[in-house]
Amino acid sequence: MILVNYDIDLQLFAAADEGRTEPPSERRRREEKEKGNVPKSNEVSSTLVLLGGTVVFYLLGDTFVKNSAIFIRKYLSMGTTVERFGAEEFRVVLSGVSRDFFNLLWPVLAITMIFAIVGNVVQVGFMFTPRALSFRFDRISPNFKRILPNRQTMFNLVKSLAKVILIGFISYILITGDFLKVLLTGNMGMMEAIGLITYSGFKIMMAVGLVLLAIAVSDFYFQKSEFEESLKQTPSEAKREMKEDSGDPILKNRRMQLAREMMQGNMLKEVPKADVVITNPTHYSVALLYEVGRDAAPRVIAKGENRIALEIRRIARENDVPIVESPKQARLLYAEVDVGKEIPKEFFEAIVAILITLEKFKRKVGIG
């Protein structure tokens, strides 16, 4: 006996590895949803239709059989009573057949339509996407990926085999249990025999439907997983999408830097107006201004740390603005009060204590 070892590359059965390692973005999800691409399983809808149709047939079985018998008797007897059958008679008969046939089947048609809609709604919700109705060439062009071994084709193969095996096994078990009863239908009345066979068929269809529903649920989660995998992006795609959404990060940072520089430039122009600059000698500088009749409290008109703090002190010295070292107040004002805002009440006592020591401020407010 010759043993042959086959090395199977599992990558053949995985999704195509295209370097898609980045998780899908909300933009990507939104675009796919607008195209009508959402994770769903056709098995769910078809299984619900099967179960719903089976239940309707079972509940309305007697009525359906009686109406079918009336329908058949009506149009079979018509062949013996109609003397002439021309175009007009054919039109009348066809119209009657269509109407009666629809009246016979509309409960089944309605329930199957409802369950088909429910089967889609429970998966994707209420969704209307006009783009999904547009013509797309890729729907009719050959896609060889669909026939090559991958996770999707292998899962579909296993799913189909599971259906055949489970349906066959369940049908065998149920038919075996009712086999003797079916053999005895020859000794029963017609309606009793029909009832027995109908009940056996109903049991088989419901059992098969429940098994298919379990397969459909697993198929839905598999399709959802595959859909998420298909939405993943390569690092370059994610980077390009980020640039399109928020602009080039380099340009964005440059714009923010220019804005900061412009704001700092405008802020520094206000320093000569200040009544006092409070500093932490090496790190922080905060310039305060109090305008009599306008302000309820002193305002911060400029603040900065490190290089900007040194620049504020330089401008203050050049314009004879008093500079007072108060490390604690400088740090708190820098951290808690924005430029253009009045100082909070908790700062009043400390700041007033500083201002009333300044001759320039005393002359300004008319003290002493």
Protein backbone atom coordinates (compact mmCIF):
# COMPACT_ATOMS: atom_id res chain seq x y z
CA MET A 1 0.00 0.00 0.00
CA ILE A 2 1.36 3.38 -1.00
CA LEU A 3 0.59 6.29 1.34
CA VAL A 4 0.49 9.70 -0.24
CA ASN A 5 0.75 12.80 1.94
CA TYR A 6 -1.08 15.87 0.72
CA ASP A 7 0.06 19.22 2.10
CA ILE A 8 -2.92 21.55 2.20
CA ASP A 9 -2.24 25.27 2.29
CA LEU A 10 -4.90 26.61 4.63
CA GLN A 11 -4.43 30.08 3.15
CA LEU A 12 -6.34 28.81 0.09
CA PHE A 13 -9.41 28.55 2.27
CA ALA A 14 -9.01 31.92 4.00
CA ALA A 15 -10.07 35.31 2.79
CA ALA A 16 -7.65 36.79 0.29
CA ASP A 17 -4.78 38.28 2.21
CA GLU A 18 -4.33 41.74 0.74
CA GLY A 19 -2.70 43.32 3.76
CA ARG A 20 -6.06 44.55 5.07
CA THR A 21 -5.27 44.84 8.75
CA GLU A 22 -7.02 48.11 9.68
CA PRO A 23 -10.55 47.92 11.15
CA PRO A 24 -13.33 49.34 8.94
CA SER A 25 -14.15 53.01 9.41
CA GLU A 26 -17.64 54.45 9.86
CA ARG A 27 -17.28 56.13 6.48
CA ARG A 28 -16.60 52.77 4.82
CA ARG A 29 -19.61 51.22 6.53
CA ARG A 30 -21.83 54.13 5.49
CA GLU A 31 -20.72 53.97 1.85
CA GLU A 32 -21.34 50.23 1.65
CA LYS A 33 -24.77 50.61 3.24
CA GLU A 34 -25.68 53.29 0.67
CA LYS A 35 -24.75 50.78 -2.04
CA GLY A 36 -27.04 48.21 -0.44
CA ASN A 37 -24.15 46.05 0.79
CA VAL A 38 -25.11 44.80 4.24
CA PRO A 39 -24.45 41.50 6.04
CA LYS A 40 -27.39 39.19 5.59
CA SER A 41 -28.20 35.57 4.90
CA ASN A 42 -30.72 34.45 2.28
CA GLU A 43 -31.17 31.30 4.35
CA VAL A 44 -33.02 33.25 7.06
CA SER A 45 -35.69 34.59 4.69
CA SER A 46 -36.21 31.29 2.86
CA THR A 47 -36.45 29.35 6.14
CA LEU A 48 -39.01 31.76 7.61
CA VAL A 49 -41.04 31.50 4.39
CA LEU A 50 -40.94 27.70 4.65
CA LEU A 51 -42.06 27.71 8.29
CA GLY A 52 -44.72 30.35 7.74
CA GLY A 53 -46.12 28.61 4.66
CA THR A 54 -46.19 25.26 6.44
CA VAL A 55 -48.10 26.69 9.42
CA VAL A 56 -50.63 28.42 7.14
CA PHE A 57 -51.19 25.26 5.11
CA TYR A 58 -51.71 23.27 8.29
CA LEU A 59 -54.11 25.75 9.93
CA LEU A 60 -56.09 26.39 6.75
CA GLY A 61 -55.71 22.86 5.38
CA ASP A 62 -59.39 21.91 5.53
CA THR A 63 -60.49 25.14 3.92
CA PHE A 64 -57.80 24.89 1.27
CA VAL A 65 -58.75 21.30 0.34
CA LYS A 66 -62.47 22.15 0.17
CA ASN A 67 -61.87 25.26 -1.94
CA SER A 68 -59.54 23.28 -4.21
CA ALA A 69 -62.22 20.64 -4.72
CA ILE A 70 -64.81 23.33 -5.52
CA PHE A 71 -62.35 24.98 -7.95
CA ILE A 72 -61.61 21.71 -9.77
CA ARG A 73 -65.27 20.62 -9.89
CA LYS A 74 -66.38 24.00 -11.22
CA TYR A 75 -64.03 24.12 -14.19
CA LEU A 76 -64.06 20.40 -14.99
CA SER A 77 -67.85 20.44 -15.23
CA MET A 78 -67.65 23.46 -17.48
CA GLY A 79 -66.24 21.26 -20.26
CA THR A 80 -69.46 19.27 -20.46
CA THR A 81 -71.90 22.20 -20.25
CA VAL A 82 -70.37 24.73 -22.65
CA GLU A 83 -71.69 24.17 -26.19
CA ARG A 84 -69.45 26.70 -27.93
CA PHE A 85 -65.92 27.62 -26.88
CA GLY A 86 -64.66 30.60 -28.87
CA ALA A 87 -62.36 33.53 -28.10
CA GLU A 88 -64.92 35.35 -25.96
CA GLU A 89 -65.74 32.23 -23.95
CA PHE A 90 -62.00 31.59 -23.45
CA ARG A 91 -61.53 35.14 -22.15
CA VAL A 92 -64.40 34.73 -19.67
CA VAL A 93 -63.12 31.34 -18.45
CA LEU A 94 -59.54 32.62 -18.14
CA SER A 95 -60.73 35.63 -16.15
CA GLY A 96 -62.73 33.39 -13.81
CA VAL A 97 -59.89 30.89 -13.38
CA SER A 98 -57.43 33.69 -12.52
CA ARG A 99 -59.81 35.23 -10.00
CA ASP A 100 -60.70 31.94 -8.30
CA PHE A 101 -57.10 30.74 -8.33
CA PHE A 102 -55.95 33.97 -6.64
CA ASN A 103 -58.73 33.68 -4.04
CA LEU A 104 -57.55 30.14 -3.37
CA LEU A 105 -53.87 31.01 -2.91
CA TRP A 106 -53.83 34.54 -1.51
CA PRO A 107 -53.47 33.49 2.17
CA VAL A 108 -50.34 31.49 1.32
CA LEU A 109 -48.98 34.25 -0.94
CA ALA A 110 -49.61 36.90 1.73
CA ILE A 111 -47.96 34.97 4.55
CA THR A 112 -44.92 34.06 2.45
CA MET A 113 -44.51 37.69 1.41
CA ILE A 114 -44.79 38.85 5.03
CA PHE A 115 -42.23 36.32 6.24
CA ALA A 116 -39.88 37.16 3.36
CA ILE A 117 -40.00 40.83 4.43
CA VAL A 118 -39.60 39.93 8.12
CA GLY A 119 -36.62 37.72 7.24
CA ASN A 120 -34.81 40.71 5.76
CA VAL A 121 -35.94 43.27 8.33
CA VAL A 122 -34.70 41.24 11.31
CA GLN A 123 -31.26 41.16 9.70
CA VAL A 124 -30.73 44.68 8.35
CA GLY A 125 -33.70 46.72 9.61
CA PHE A 126 -35.81 48.99 7.42
CA MET A 127 -33.53 50.23 4.68
CA PHE A 128 -34.11 51.80 1.25
CA THR A 129 -31.09 52.38 -0.98
CA PRO A 130 -31.80 53.64 -4.53
CA ARG A 131 -28.18 52.96 -5.51
CA ALA A 132 -28.77 49.25 -5.02
CA LEU A 133 -31.30 49.37 -7.89
CA SER A 134 -28.84 50.89 -10.34
CA PHE A 135 -27.10 48.77 -12.98
CA ARG A 136 -23.68 47.42 -12.04
CA PHE A 137 -21.52 45.61 -14.56
CA ASP A 138 -19.75 43.58 -11.87
CA ARG A 139 -23.04 41.76 -11.16
CA ILE A 140 -22.99 40.14 -14.60
CA SER A 141 -19.24 39.94 -15.21
CA PRO A 142 -17.60 36.61 -14.31
CA ASN A 143 -16.05 36.55 -10.86
CA PHE A 144 -13.62 33.65 -10.63
CA LYS A 145 -13.04 34.28 -6.94
CA ARG A 146 -16.49 32.83 -6.32
CA ILE A 147 -15.47 29.42 -7.67
CA LEU A 148 -11.97 29.28 -6.21
CA PRO A 149 -11.53 27.64 -2.80
CA ASN A 150 -12.03 30.18 -0.04
CA ARG A 151 -13.82 30.41 3.26
CA GLN A 152 -17.12 31.36 1.62
CA THR A 153 -17.19 28.44 -0.84
CA MET A 154 -16.04 25.95 1.78
CA PHE A 155 -18.68 27.15 4.25
CA ASN A 156 -21.38 26.88 1.55
CA LEU A 157 -20.22 23.34 0.75
CA VAL A 158 -20.38 22.29 4.40
CA LYS A 159 -23.75 24.03 4.77
CA SER A 160 -25.21 22.20 1.76
CA LEU A 161 -23.92 18.83 2.97
CA ALA A 162 -25.34 19.51 6.44
CA LYS A 163 -28.74 20.30 4.92
CA VAL A 164 -28.83 17.09 2.89
CA ILE A 165 -27.68 14.91 5.78
CA LEU A 166 -29.88 16.45 8.46
CA ILE A 167 -33.01 16.66 6.28
CA GLY A 168 -32.55 13.07 5.19
CA PHE A 169 -31.97 11.86 8.75
CA ILE A 170 -34.93 13.74 10.24
CA SER A 171 -37.25 12.69 7.42
CA TYR A 172 -36.18 9.05 7.86
CA ILE A 173 -36.83 9.13 11.62
CA LEU A 174 -40.27 10.75 11.29
CA ILE A 175 -41.40 8.64 8.32
CA THR A 176 -40.29 5.47 10.11
CA GLY A 177 -42.40 6.45 13.11
CA ASP A 178 -45.54 6.96 10.97
CA PHE A 179 -44.85 4.19 8.43
CA LEU A 180 -47.31 1.66 9.88
CA LYS A 181 -50.03 4.29 10.20
CA VAL A 182 -49.57 5.26 6.54
CA LEU A 183 -49.87 1.61 5.50
CA LEU A 184 -53.24 1.43 7.23
CA THR A 185 -54.68 4.39 5.31
CA GLY A 186 -56.21 1.91 2.84
CA ASN A 187 -58.68 0.91 5.53
CA MET A 188 -59.58 4.49 6.39
CA GLY A 189 -61.95 6.98 4.89
CA MET A 190 -60.55 9.48 2.41
CA MET A 191 -60.66 12.52 4.72
CA GLU A 192 -59.14 10.55 7.63
CA ALA A 193 -56.32 9.29 5.39
CA ILE A 194 -55.67 12.78 4.04
CA GLY A 195 -55.61 14.13 7.61
CA LEU A 196 -53.06 11.51 8.71
CA ILE A 197 -50.76 12.12 5.72
CA THR A 198 -51.12 15.88 6.12
CA TYR A 199 -50.14 15.70 9.79
CA SER A 200 -47.12 13.54 9.00
CA GLY A 201 -46.07 15.97 6.31
CA PHE A 202 -46.55 18.89 8.69
CA LYS A 203 -44.29 17.25 11.32
CA ILE A 204 -41.58 16.64 8.75
CA MET A 205 -41.76 20.17 7.33
CA MET A 206 -41.68 21.82 10.78
CA ALA A 207 -38.77 19.68 11.97
CA VAL A 208 -36.86 20.37 8.77
CA GLY A 209 -37.72 24.07 9.04
CA LEU A 210 -36.37 24.32 12.59
CA VAL A 211 -33.13 22.61 11.56
CA LEU A 212 -32.81 24.95 8.59
CA LEU A 213 -33.46 27.89 10.92
CA ALA A 214 -30.51 26.84 13.08
CA ILE A 215 -28.35 26.59 9.95
CA ALA A 216 -29.66 29.98 8.79
CA VAL A 217 -28.67 31.64 12.09
CA SER A 218 -25.14 30.25 11.84
CA ASP A 219 -25.01 31.35 8.19
CA PHE A 220 -26.05 34.89 9.18
CA TYR A 221 -23.23 35.20 11.72
CA PHE A 222 -20.77 33.78 9.22
CA GLN A 223 -21.90 36.25 6.55
CA LYS A 224 -21.60 39.07 9.10
CA SER A 225 -18.07 37.99 9.94
CA GLU A 226 -17.13 37.79 6.25
CA PHE A 227 -18.66 41.21 5.62
CA GLU A 228 -16.63 42.75 8.44
CA GLU A 229 -13.52 41.11 7.02
CA SER A 230 -14.25 42.49 3.55
CA LEU A 231 -14.54 46.04 4.93
CA LYS A 232 -11.07 46.01 6.47
CA GLN A 233 -8.58 48.42 4.94
CA THR A 234 -4.90 48.44 4.20
CA PRO A 235 -2.85 50.97 6.19
CA SER A 236 -2.47 53.10 3.05
CA GLU A 237 -6.24 53.10 2.45
CA ALA A 238 -6.92 54.07 6.06
CA LYS A 239 -4.34 56.86 5.86
CA ARG A 240 -5.76 58.17 2.58
CA GLU A 241 -9.30 58.12 3.97
CA MET A 242 -8.15 60.01 7.06
CA LYS A 243 -6.55 62.64 4.83
CA GLU A 244 -9.75 63.01 2.82
CA ASP A 245 -11.89 63.31 5.96
CA SER A 246 -9.73 65.67 7.97
CA GLY A 247 -7.14 66.93 5.51
CA ASP A 248 -3.44 66.24 5.36
CA PRO A 249 -2.17 66.01 8.99
CA ILE A 250 0.97 67.98 8.07
CA LEU A 251 -1.07 70.81 6.55
CA LYS A 252 -3.54 70.64 9.43
CA ASN A 253 -0.75 70.96 12.01
CA ARG A 254 0.74 73.82 10.04
CA ARG A 255 -2.59 75.65 9.97
CA MET A 256 -2.98 75.15 13.71
CA GLN A 257 0.55 76.48 14.27
CA LEU A 258 -0.15 79.56 12.15
CA ALA A 259 -3.39 80.14 14.08
CA ARG A 260 -1.55 79.89 17.39
CA GLU A 261 1.14 82.28 16.18
CA MET A 262 -1.49 84.76 14.99
CA MET A 263 -3.33 84.55 18.31
CA GLN A 264 -0.08 85.00 20.22
CA GLY A 265 0.83 87.99 18.05
CA ASN A 266 -2.51 89.67 18.74
CA MET A 267 -2.22 88.83 22.41
CA LEU A 268 1.26 90.32 22.74
CA LYS A 269 0.02 93.59 21.21
CA GLU A 270 -2.23 93.97 24.28
CA VAL A 271 0.60 93.71 26.83
CA PRO A 272 1.49 97.49 26.78
CA LYS A 273 -2.07 98.24 28.00
CA ALA A 274 -1.70 95.98 31.06
CA ASP A 275 -1.83 97.30 34.61
CA VAL A 276 0.47 94.55 35.87
CA VAL A 277 2.26 91.39 34.71
CA ILE A 278 2.30 88.65 37.33
CA THR A 279 5.10 86.14 36.87
CA ASN A 280 6.63 82.95 38.04
CA PRO A 281 10.21 84.09 37.40
CA THR A 282 11.16 81.24 35.07
CA HIS A 283 7.98 79.78 33.53
CA TYR A 284 4.72 81.80 33.53
CA SER A 285 3.63 85.36 32.82
CA VAL A 286 0.06 86.68 33.04
CA ALA A 287 -0.87 90.26 32.05
CA LEU A 288 -3.91 91.83 33.77
CA LEU A 289 -5.96 94.89 32.80
CA TYR A 290 -8.77 96.64 34.72
CA GLU A 291 -10.83 99.23 32.86
CA VAL A 292 -12.82 101.44 35.17
CA GLY A 293 -16.52 101.54 34.27
CA ARG A 294 -16.28 98.54 31.96
CA ASP A 295 -14.88 95.62 33.92
CA ALA A 296 -16.30 94.08 37.05
CA ALA A 297 -12.90 92.54 37.78
CA PRO A 298 -9.42 92.56 36.22
CA ARG A 299 -9.14 90.71 32.91
CA VAL A 300 -6.39 88.46 31.60
CA ILE A 301 -5.28 90.09 28.33
CA ALA A 302 -2.19 87.93 27.73
CA LYS A 303 -0.56 84.86 29.19
CA GLY A 304 2.18 82.43 28.25
CA GLU A 305 4.81 80.04 29.43
CA ASN A 306 8.51 79.67 28.74
CA ARG A 307 9.35 81.59 25.52
CA ILE A 308 6.05 83.46 25.40
CA ALA A 309 6.39 84.31 29.12
CA LEU A 310 9.80 85.85 28.48
CA GLU A 311 8.38 87.83 25.54
CA ILE A 312 5.54 89.19 27.71
CA ARG A 313 8.05 90.33 30.34
CA ARG A 314 10.25 91.99 27.70
CA ILE A 315 7.33 93.95 26.24
CA ALA A 316 6.19 94.93 29.76
CA ARG A 317 9.65 96.30 30.63
CA GLU A 318 9.82 98.28 27.38
CA ASN A 319 6.41 99.88 28.12
CA ASP A 320 6.90 100.51 31.84
CA VAL A 321 4.28 97.95 32.85
CA PRO A 322 4.85 96.80 36.45
CA ILE A 323 6.10 93.23 36.80
CA VAL A 324 5.28 91.43 40.07
CA GLU A 325 6.64 88.02 41.00
CA SER A 326 3.94 85.81 42.52
CA PRO A 327 4.61 82.18 41.53
CA LYS A 328 1.42 80.74 43.02
CA GLN A 329 -0.92 83.34 41.47
CA ALA A 330 0.89 83.16 38.13
CA ARG A 331 0.48 79.40 37.93
CA LEU A 332 -3.20 79.47 38.97
CA LEU A 333 -4.13 82.32 36.63
CA TYR A 334 -2.35 80.65 33.71
CA ALA A 335 -4.09 77.32 34.35
CA GLU A 336 -7.62 78.51 35.17
CA VAL A 337 -8.36 81.79 33.37
CA ASP A 338 -8.55 82.13 29.57
CA VAL A 339 -7.35 85.18 27.69
CA GLY A 340 -10.10 87.83 27.60
CA LYS A 341 -11.88 86.48 30.71
CA GLU A 342 -12.25 88.24 34.07
CA ILE A 343 -10.59 86.61 37.05
CA PRO A 344 -12.88 84.52 39.31
CA LYS A 345 -13.87 85.67 42.81
CA GLU A 346 -11.36 83.39 44.52
CA PHE A 347 -8.55 85.48 43.00
CA PHE A 348 -9.92 88.90 44.05
CA GLU A 349 -8.21 89.23 47.42
CA ALA A 350 -4.74 88.23 46.21
CA ILE A 351 -4.88 90.28 43.00
CA VAL A 352 -6.28 93.40 44.70
CA ALA A 353 -3.51 93.12 47.29
CA ILE A 354 -1.00 93.29 44.43
CA LEU A 355 -2.71 96.09 42.47
CA ILE A 356 -3.10 98.53 45.38
CA THR A 357 0.67 98.51 45.88
CA LEU A 358 1.22 99.92 42.38
CA GLU A 359 1.40 103.72 42.05
CA LYS A 360 0.34 103.61 38.40
CA PHE A 361 -2.82 101.66 39.26
CA LYS A 362 -3.60 103.95 42.22
CA ARG A 363 -3.52 107.00 39.95
CA LYS A 364 -5.68 105.19 37.38
CA VAL A 365 -8.50 104.37 39.83
CA GLY A 366 -8.03 107.55 41.92
CA ILE A 367 -6.79 106.01 45.13
CA GLY A 368 -4.66 108.16 47.47
